Amino acid sequence: MRIYLDHNATTPLRDEVVDAMVAVLRHGYGNPSSSHREGAAARRRVDDAREQVAEALGAAPGEITFTAGATEANNAVLQALCAEPDRGRHLVTTRAEHPSVLEPAAYLETRGFEVTWLPVDAEGLLDPQAVAAAVREDTALVSVLWANNETGVVQPMEAIAQLVKERGALLHVDATQAVGKWPVDVGRVPVDLLACSAHKLNGPKGVGCLFARQDVAVPPLLRGGPQEKGLRGGTENTSGVAGFGAACELARRELPERMERYAALRDRLWEGIRAKVSGVRRNGSAANCLPNTLNVELADTAGEVLLQALDLEGVAASAGAACHSGSITPSHVLSAMGRTPDEARGSLRLSVGHGVDEMQIDRAIELLAELVPRVRGAGVE
């Protein structure tokens, strides 16, 4: 039996999502831009999915542009929107962002932008007043991760959004980890732009969206066709879009139940680890955290070695972001929170989701209680 505790990296597809995708693959093969019956049927499926995604986000369908995922959406916002000649040359972001924001921000610096890199505290939280204070007249954009992919720390986004709005700046939010696990309502939280990916909420890989409020003009992400109101040229990934829509519909209906269920599993995991493994510390705010995410520091433990041992015993986990797998570089998120390189390297991310049960959690605790002392005794650096 495999125990999958890496749902922040990607999630298994729900049966309902697979069914929606297979129906399109088998019967909805028309090009959504074609005027014949097959094309019109495909267009209706894309439109239906757009409504499902919009409803899950509290948005209007016309504010949703389908993309290949949040990385594309984040890059489009930072590199295209910020490059508009009538905007300022200043960007505000944090040291704990996902690489799909960190790297475009660093690139903008090489192009003459000034970037204000805000710190997070020891629990991974951002001070909303510090965000507001960083906004200037020439600020083109503020970009903040809603929920951290490594620690699960949820930022006080409502306060941040309100303060940024009062200062007259645009706020872009990467909500990839939040959607499907945390209440996300752009009707209540006044963000201007928001990115997310389907595969973080039991949808397919390779599809996501950019929400842009109706009064925010976004330059084309990809030029070369009229698709997505001219914002993203190229034939739509109709089956992927259908799967994304189905995943969002499930998330919208199930969110309260999911949050309660995931939090119970996560807390069971944490209490078990704390009771059976010495020298452990939780990374990130316990009070402001995704219900499914636990990041644990294991003192004097080689995290990569422990991950390999867990994998051999049937448990999939992570040392941090999936895009950093195989790297011995300390997590930039934990470093931003003040952890030393050794503390960061000895940390695991354990994230639960659909299909995980109490029996699996208890087995993972038993294995950690057995393997951590063994890895520590080996003294592998």
Protein backbone atom coordinates (compact mmCIF):
# COMPACT_ATOMS: atom_id res chain seq x y z
CA MET A 1 0.00 0.00 0.00
CA ARG A 2 1.33 3.40 -1.02
CA ILE A 3 0.63 6.37 1.25
CA TYR A 4 0.55 9.63 -0.68
CA LEU A 5 1.34 12.63 1.52
CA ASP A 6 2.44 15.04 -1.19
CA HIS A 7 -0.85 16.65 -2.25
CA ASN A 8 0.73 20.11 -2.37
CA ALA A 9 2.91 18.89 -5.23
CA THR A 10 0.00 17.45 -7.19
CA THR A 11 -3.26 15.66 -6.49
CA PRO A 12 -4.89 12.50 -7.85
CA LEU A 13 -7.71 13.07 -10.30
CA ARG A 14 -11.20 12.57 -8.93
CA ASP A 15 -13.41 10.11 -10.80
CA GLU A 16 -15.81 12.91 -11.69
CA VAL A 17 -12.95 14.83 -13.28
CA VAL A 18 -11.81 11.83 -15.32
CA ASP A 19 -15.38 11.27 -16.51
CA ALA A 20 -15.70 14.87 -17.65
CA MET A 21 -12.40 14.69 -19.53
CA VAL A 22 -13.11 11.32 -21.15
CA ALA A 23 -16.49 12.55 -22.39
CA VAL A 24 -14.74 15.40 -24.20
CA LEU A 25 -11.93 13.21 -25.51
CA ARG A 26 -14.41 10.72 -26.95
CA HIS A 27 -17.22 12.93 -28.11
CA GLY A 28 -16.19 16.59 -27.84
CA TYR A 29 -13.28 16.62 -30.26
CA GLY A 30 -14.45 19.69 -32.19
CA ASN A 31 -12.42 22.90 -32.28
CA PRO A 32 -14.14 25.45 -30.03
CA SER A 33 -13.41 28.15 -32.62
CA SER A 34 -15.19 26.29 -35.44
CA SER A 35 -18.72 27.31 -36.44
CA HIS A 36 -20.10 23.83 -37.17
CA ARG A 37 -22.04 21.65 -34.73
CA GLU A 38 -18.95 19.91 -33.36
CA GLY A 39 -17.21 23.20 -32.75
CA ALA A 40 -20.26 24.70 -31.07
CA ALA A 41 -20.50 21.70 -28.73
CA ALA A 42 -16.86 22.12 -27.75
CA ARG A 43 -17.41 25.84 -27.21
CA ARG A 44 -20.31 25.12 -24.88
CA ARG A 45 -18.12 22.80 -22.85
CA VAL A 46 -15.44 25.48 -22.48
CA ASP A 47 -18.08 28.03 -21.51
CA ASP A 48 -19.62 25.66 -18.96
CA ALA A 49 -16.22 25.07 -17.38
CA ARG A 50 -15.54 28.80 -17.28
CA GLU A 51 -18.75 29.25 -15.29
CA GLN A 52 -17.74 26.46 -12.88
CA VAL A 53 -14.31 27.99 -12.28
CA ALA A 54 -15.74 31.48 -11.90
CA GLU A 55 -18.33 30.31 -9.39
CA ALA A 56 -15.66 28.59 -7.30
CA LEU A 57 -13.68 31.85 -7.16
CA GLY A 58 -16.62 34.20 -6.67
CA ALA A 59 -15.86 35.79 -10.04
CA ALA A 60 -17.76 36.53 -13.23
CA PRO A 61 -17.13 34.12 -16.14
CA GLY A 62 -15.80 36.95 -18.29
CA GLU A 63 -13.04 37.54 -15.74
CA ILE A 64 -11.56 34.04 -16.24
CA THR A 65 -8.87 33.31 -18.84
CA PHE A 66 -7.75 29.71 -19.17
CA THR A 67 -3.99 29.13 -19.14
CA ALA A 68 -1.58 26.20 -18.96
CA GLY A 69 -1.38 26.75 -15.19
CA ALA A 70 -0.46 29.26 -12.52
CA THR A 71 3.17 29.52 -13.63
CA GLU A 72 2.09 30.83 -17.02
CA ALA A 73 -0.43 33.18 -15.44
CA ASN A 74 2.11 34.52 -12.94
CA ASN A 75 4.69 35.09 -15.65
CA ALA A 76 2.14 36.78 -17.87
CA VAL A 77 1.16 39.20 -15.14
CA LEU A 78 4.66 40.08 -14.03
CA GLN A 79 6.35 40.20 -17.43
CA ALA A 80 3.53 41.48 -19.65
CA LEU A 81 1.49 43.67 -17.35
CA CYS A 82 4.48 45.26 -15.66
CA ALA A 83 6.06 45.97 -19.03
CA GLU A 84 3.20 48.23 -20.10
CA PRO A 85 4.75 51.64 -20.79
CA ASP A 86 2.15 53.60 -18.82
CA ARG A 87 2.83 51.69 -15.62
CA GLY A 88 5.45 52.37 -12.99
CA ARG A 89 8.78 50.60 -12.70
CA HIS A 90 8.39 49.33 -9.15
CA LEU A 91 7.26 45.89 -7.93
CA VAL A 92 6.46 44.79 -4.37
CA THR A 93 6.71 41.10 -3.46
CA THR A 94 8.16 38.83 -0.75
CA ARG A 95 11.11 36.53 -0.19
CA ALA A 96 8.78 33.55 0.36
CA GLU A 97 7.04 33.48 -3.02
CA HIS A 98 6.81 30.55 -5.43
CA PRO A 99 9.63 30.48 -8.02
CA SER A 100 7.13 31.41 -10.75
CA VAL A 101 6.99 34.85 -9.11
CA LEU A 102 10.51 35.04 -7.67
CA GLU A 103 12.25 34.40 -10.97
CA PRO A 104 10.19 36.81 -13.12
CA ALA A 105 10.66 39.44 -10.41
CA ALA A 106 14.42 38.91 -10.48
CA TYR A 107 14.32 39.13 -14.28
CA LEU A 108 12.47 42.44 -14.06
CA GLU A 109 15.30 43.74 -11.87
CA THR A 110 17.72 43.04 -14.73
CA ARG A 111 15.45 45.13 -16.97
CA GLY A 112 15.64 48.20 -14.77
CA PHE A 113 12.73 47.56 -12.41
CA GLU A 114 13.11 48.24 -8.73
CA VAL A 115 11.80 45.38 -6.60
CA THR A 116 10.97 45.73 -2.91
CA TRP A 117 11.48 42.30 -1.32
CA LEU A 118 9.41 42.18 1.85
CA PRO A 119 10.36 39.81 4.68
CA VAL A 120 8.12 37.33 6.47
CA ASP A 121 8.34 36.65 10.19
CA ALA A 122 9.47 33.45 11.92
CA GLU A 123 6.02 31.93 11.35
CA GLY A 124 6.04 32.82 7.67
CA LEU A 125 3.50 35.63 7.97
CA LEU A 126 3.60 38.92 6.13
CA ASP A 127 2.73 42.20 7.88
CA PRO A 128 -0.10 43.90 5.93
CA GLN A 129 1.09 47.32 7.11
CA ALA A 130 4.54 46.59 5.69
CA VAL A 131 2.94 45.83 2.33
CA ALA A 132 1.02 49.10 2.39
CA ALA A 133 4.10 51.06 3.41
CA ALA A 134 6.06 49.62 0.47
CA VAL A 135 3.57 50.88 -2.12
CA ARG A 136 4.70 54.02 -3.97
CA GLU A 137 3.28 56.22 -6.72
CA ASP A 138 5.33 54.30 -9.29
CA THR A 139 4.34 50.82 -8.02
CA ALA A 140 3.16 48.80 -10.99
CA LEU A 141 2.11 45.76 -8.99
CA VAL A 142 2.06 44.05 -5.61
CA SER A 143 2.41 40.25 -5.83
CA VAL A 144 1.74 38.01 -2.82
CA LEU A 145 1.26 34.25 -2.41
CA TRP A 146 -2.09 33.56 -0.70
CA ALA A 147 -1.05 30.21 0.83
CA ASN A 148 2.53 29.01 0.87
CA ASN A 149 3.21 25.81 -1.04
CA GLU A 150 5.88 24.60 1.40
CA THR A 151 4.56 25.54 4.84
CA GLY A 152 0.86 26.01 4.12
CA VAL A 153 0.96 29.40 5.86
CA VAL A 154 -2.05 31.50 4.80
CA GLN A 155 -1.46 35.22 4.53
CA PRO A 156 -4.01 37.74 5.91
CA MET A 157 -5.12 38.42 2.36
CA GLU A 158 -8.27 40.36 3.13
CA ALA A 159 -6.29 42.93 5.13
CA ILE A 160 -3.49 43.04 2.56
CA ALA A 161 -5.92 43.49 -0.34
CA GLN A 162 -7.83 46.26 1.37
CA LEU A 163 -4.67 48.21 2.23
CA VAL A 164 -3.22 47.82 -1.27
CA LYS A 165 -6.52 48.97 -2.76
CA GLU A 166 -6.51 52.05 -0.50
CA ARG A 167 -3.00 52.88 -1.75
CA GLY A 168 -4.21 52.65 -5.37
CA ALA A 169 -1.97 49.78 -6.49
CA LEU A 170 -2.82 46.56 -8.32
CA LEU A 171 -2.65 43.33 -6.31
CA HIS A 172 -1.74 40.03 -7.95
CA VAL A 173 -2.19 36.85 -5.91
CA ASP A 174 -0.95 33.32 -6.57
CA ALA A 175 -3.77 31.28 -5.03
CA THR A 176 -2.67 27.90 -6.38
CA GLN A 177 -2.52 26.18 -3.00
CA ALA A 178 -5.53 27.99 -1.54
CA VAL A 179 -8.21 27.13 -4.10
CA GLY A 180 -10.00 23.96 -3.06
CA LYS A 181 -8.57 24.02 0.46
CA TRP A 182 -9.38 27.51 1.71
CA PRO A 183 -12.19 30.02 1.14
CA VAL A 184 -11.27 32.08 -1.93
CA ASP A 185 -13.84 34.70 -2.90
CA VAL A 186 -12.72 37.60 -5.06
CA GLY A 187 -16.08 39.23 -4.43
CA ARG A 188 -15.14 39.57 -0.78
CA VAL A 189 -11.35 39.97 -1.02
CA PRO A 190 -10.54 42.78 -3.48
CA VAL A 191 -7.61 41.24 -5.35
CA ASP A 192 -7.17 42.45 -8.93
CA LEU A 193 -5.48 39.41 -10.46
CA LEU A 194 -5.34 35.80 -9.29
CA ALA A 195 -3.68 32.66 -10.64
CA CYS A 196 -4.38 29.00 -9.91
CA SER A 197 -3.75 25.50 -11.31
CA ALA A 198 -6.17 22.61 -11.73
CA HIS A 199 -3.78 19.88 -10.62
CA LYS A 200 -3.64 21.21 -7.05
CA LEU A 201 -7.37 20.49 -6.53
CA ASN A 202 -7.80 17.04 -8.09
CA GLY A 203 -7.88 18.32 -11.66
CA PRO A 204 -5.55 17.64 -14.60
CA LYS A 205 -2.04 18.99 -15.07
CA GLY A 206 -1.38 21.56 -17.76
CA VAL A 207 -4.42 23.78 -17.22
CA GLY A 208 -5.24 26.67 -14.91
CA CYS A 209 -6.53 30.19 -15.10
CA LEU A 210 -5.91 33.86 -14.60
CA PHE A 211 -8.66 35.89 -12.96
CA ALA A 212 -8.50 39.55 -13.92
CA ARG A 213 -11.07 41.98 -12.57
CA GLN A 214 -13.14 43.54 -15.33
CA ASP A 215 -11.61 46.98 -14.90
CA VAL A 216 -8.03 45.65 -15.14
CA ALA A 217 -6.63 45.68 -18.67
CA VAL A 218 -4.34 42.70 -19.22
CA PRO A 219 -2.08 42.51 -22.29
CA PRO A 220 -2.36 39.32 -24.37
CA LEU A 221 -0.64 36.35 -22.75
CA LEU A 222 -0.07 34.65 -26.10
CA ARG A 223 -0.60 36.33 -29.46
CA GLY A 224 -1.75 34.41 -32.50
CA GLY A 225 -5.50 33.93 -32.35
CA PRO A 226 -8.83 35.18 -31.04
CA GLN A 227 -9.17 32.53 -28.34
CA GLU A 228 -9.88 33.63 -24.76
CA LYS A 229 -11.05 37.05 -25.98
CA GLY A 230 -7.71 37.51 -27.70
CA LEU A 231 -5.76 37.15 -24.46
CA ARG A 232 -4.37 33.67 -25.15
CA GLY A 233 -4.10 32.57 -28.75
CA GLY A 234 -4.14 28.87 -29.60
CA THR A 235 -6.75 26.13 -29.61
CA GLU A 236 -8.08 25.50 -26.12
CA ASN A 237 -7.22 22.32 -24.22
CA THR A 238 -10.91 21.42 -24.13
CA SER A 239 -10.63 18.19 -22.17
CA GLY A 240 -8.31 19.77 -19.62
CA VAL A 241 -10.59 22.77 -19.27
CA ALA A 242 -13.56 20.43 -18.74
CA GLY A 243 -11.62 18.59 -16.04
CA PHE A 244 -10.68 21.88 -14.38
CA GLY A 245 -14.32 22.92 -14.34
CA ALA A 246 -15.39 19.63 -12.78
CA ALA A 247 -12.68 19.89 -10.12
CA CYS A 248 -13.78 23.44 -9.25
CA GLU A 249 -17.40 22.35 -8.98
CA LEU A 250 -16.42 19.59 -6.55
CA ALA A 251 -14.25 21.99 -4.55
CA ARG A 252 -17.03 24.55 -4.29
CA ARG A 253 -19.53 21.99 -3.00
CA GLU A 254 -17.18 20.15 -0.67
CA LEU A 255 -14.99 22.91 0.78
CA PRO A 256 -16.32 22.98 4.38
CA GLU A 257 -16.24 19.19 4.61
CA ARG A 258 -12.75 19.08 3.07
CA MET A 259 -11.35 21.63 5.46
CA GLU A 260 -12.67 19.77 8.48
CA ARG A 261 -11.52 16.38 7.21
CA TYR A 262 -8.06 17.51 6.14
CA ALA A 263 -7.44 19.40 9.36
CA ALA A 264 -8.34 16.33 11.43
CA LEU A 265 -5.87 14.20 9.45
CA ARG A 266 -3.13 16.83 9.60
CA ASP A 267 -3.55 17.29 13.36
CA ARG A 268 -3.54 13.54 13.91
CA LEU A 269 -0.29 13.36 11.98
CA TRP A 270 1.31 16.22 13.94
CA GLU A 271 0.25 14.91 17.34
CA GLY A 272 1.55 11.45 16.47
CA ILE A 273 4.90 12.74 15.28
CA ARG A 274 5.29 14.99 18.30
CA ALA A 275 4.49 12.08 20.64
CA LYS A 276 6.76 9.49 19.02
CA VAL A 277 9.68 11.43 17.52
CA SER A 278 12.05 13.57 19.59
CA GLY A 279 13.52 16.87 18.47
CA VAL A 280 10.66 18.05 16.25
CA ARG A 281 9.36 21.53 15.54
CA ARG A 282 6.52 22.75 13.37
CA ASN A 283 7.48 25.20 10.64
CA GLY A 284 4.98 27.98 10.09
CA SER A 285 1.97 29.41 11.84
CA ALA A 286 -0.32 26.75 13.28
CA ALA A 287 -3.19 29.23 13.55
CA ASN A 288 -2.91 30.52 9.96
CA CYS A 289 -2.29 27.41 7.89
CA LEU A 290 -3.95 25.34 5.19
CA PRO A 291 -5.90 22.50 6.79
CA ASN A 292 -4.02 19.88 4.79
CA THR A 293 -0.39 20.98 5.26
CA LEU A 294 2.22 20.16 7.88
CA ASN A 295 5.86 21.21 7.61
CA VAL A 296 8.04 19.60 10.29
CA GLU A 297 11.65 20.20 11.21
CA LEU A 298 13.45 17.08 12.48
CA ALA A 299 16.61 18.07 14.32
CA ASP A 300 19.91 16.49 13.23
CA THR A 301 18.21 14.63 10.38
CA ALA A 302 19.20 14.49 6.73
CA GLY A 303 15.85 15.25 5.11
CA GLU A 304 16.70 13.87 1.67
CA VAL A 305 17.85 10.57 3.18
CA LEU A 306 14.68 10.33 5.25
CA LEU A 307 12.55 10.99 2.17
CA GLN A 308 14.27 8.15 0.32
CA ALA A 309 13.75 5.82 3.27
CA LEU A 310 10.07 6.75 3.47
CA ASP A 311 9.64 6.19 -0.25
CA LEU A 312 11.12 2.70 0.04
CA GLU A 313 8.60 1.98 2.79
CA GLY A 314 5.69 3.23 0.69
CA VAL A 315 5.28 6.86 1.80
CA ALA A 316 5.50 9.77 -0.64
CA ALA A 317 6.41 13.09 0.95
CA SER A 318 8.47 16.15 0.07
CA ALA A 319 11.29 18.28 1.38
CA GLY A 320 9.68 21.39 -0.05
CA ALA A 321 8.52 22.50 -3.46
CA ALA A 322 8.29 19.73 -6.03
CA CYS A 323 10.20 21.82 -8.57
CA HIS A 324 13.20 21.64 -6.21
CA SER A 325 13.21 17.84 -5.91
CA GLY A 326 16.67 16.35 -5.83
CA SER A 327 18.22 19.64 -4.77
CA ILE A 328 20.21 19.93 -1.55
CA THR A 329 19.78 23.71 -1.56
CA PRO A 330 17.94 24.78 1.60
CA SER A 331 14.36 25.90 1.13
CA HIS A 332 14.23 29.62 0.37
CA VAL A 333 10.90 29.78 2.24
CA LEU A 334 12.34 28.35 5.45
CA SER A 335 15.42 30.51 5.03
CA ALA A 336 13.17 33.57 4.77
CA MET A 337 11.58 32.49 8.06
CA GLY A 338 15.00 32.49 9.75
CA ARG A 339 15.77 28.79 9.68
CA THR A 340 19.43 27.81 9.34
CA PRO A 341 20.52 25.73 6.33
CA ASP A 342 20.73 22.59 8.49
CA GLU A 343 17.29 23.21 9.99
CA ALA A 344 15.82 23.73 6.53
CA ARG A 345 17.46 20.58 5.15
CA GLY A 346 16.02 18.58 8.03
CA SER A 347 12.43 19.62 7.30
CA LEU A 348 9.66 17.63 5.63
CA ARG A 349 6.45 18.78 4.00
CA LEU A 350 3.56 16.38 4.59
CA SER A 351 0.31 17.26 2.83
CA VAL A 352 -2.91 15.26 2.93
CA GLY A 353 -5.84 15.17 0.52
CA HIS A 354 -8.46 13.05 -1.18
CA GLY A 355 -7.91 9.34 -0.54
CA VAL A 356 -5.89 9.69 2.68
CA ASP A 357 -7.37 8.05 5.78
CA GLU A 358 -6.58 7.57 9.46
CA MET A 359 -4.99 4.16 8.93
CA GLN A 360 -2.51 5.65 6.49
CA ILE A 361 -1.73 8.51 8.86
CA ASP A 362 -1.05 6.07 11.71
CA ARG A 363 1.20 3.98 9.48
CA ALA A 364 3.17 7.07 8.43
CA ILE A 365 3.66 7.99 12.11
CA GLU A 366 4.96 4.50 12.88
CA LEU A 367 7.41 4.66 10.00
CA LEU A 368 8.69 8.10 11.00
CA ALA A 369 9.18 6.90 14.58
CA GLU A 370 11.25 4.02 13.23
CA LEU A 371 13.16 5.76 10.45
CA VAL A 372 14.11 9.11 11.99
CA PRO A 373 16.37 7.58 14.69
CA ARG A 374 17.90 5.32 12.08
CA VAL A 375 18.72 8.24 9.77
CA ARG A 376 20.07 10.26 12.67
CA GLY A 377 22.22 7.32 13.75
CA ALA A 378 23.66 6.98 10.26
CA GLY A 379 24.96 10.56 10.52
CA VAL A 380 24.56 11.21 6.81
CA GLU A 381 25.05 14.85 5.85
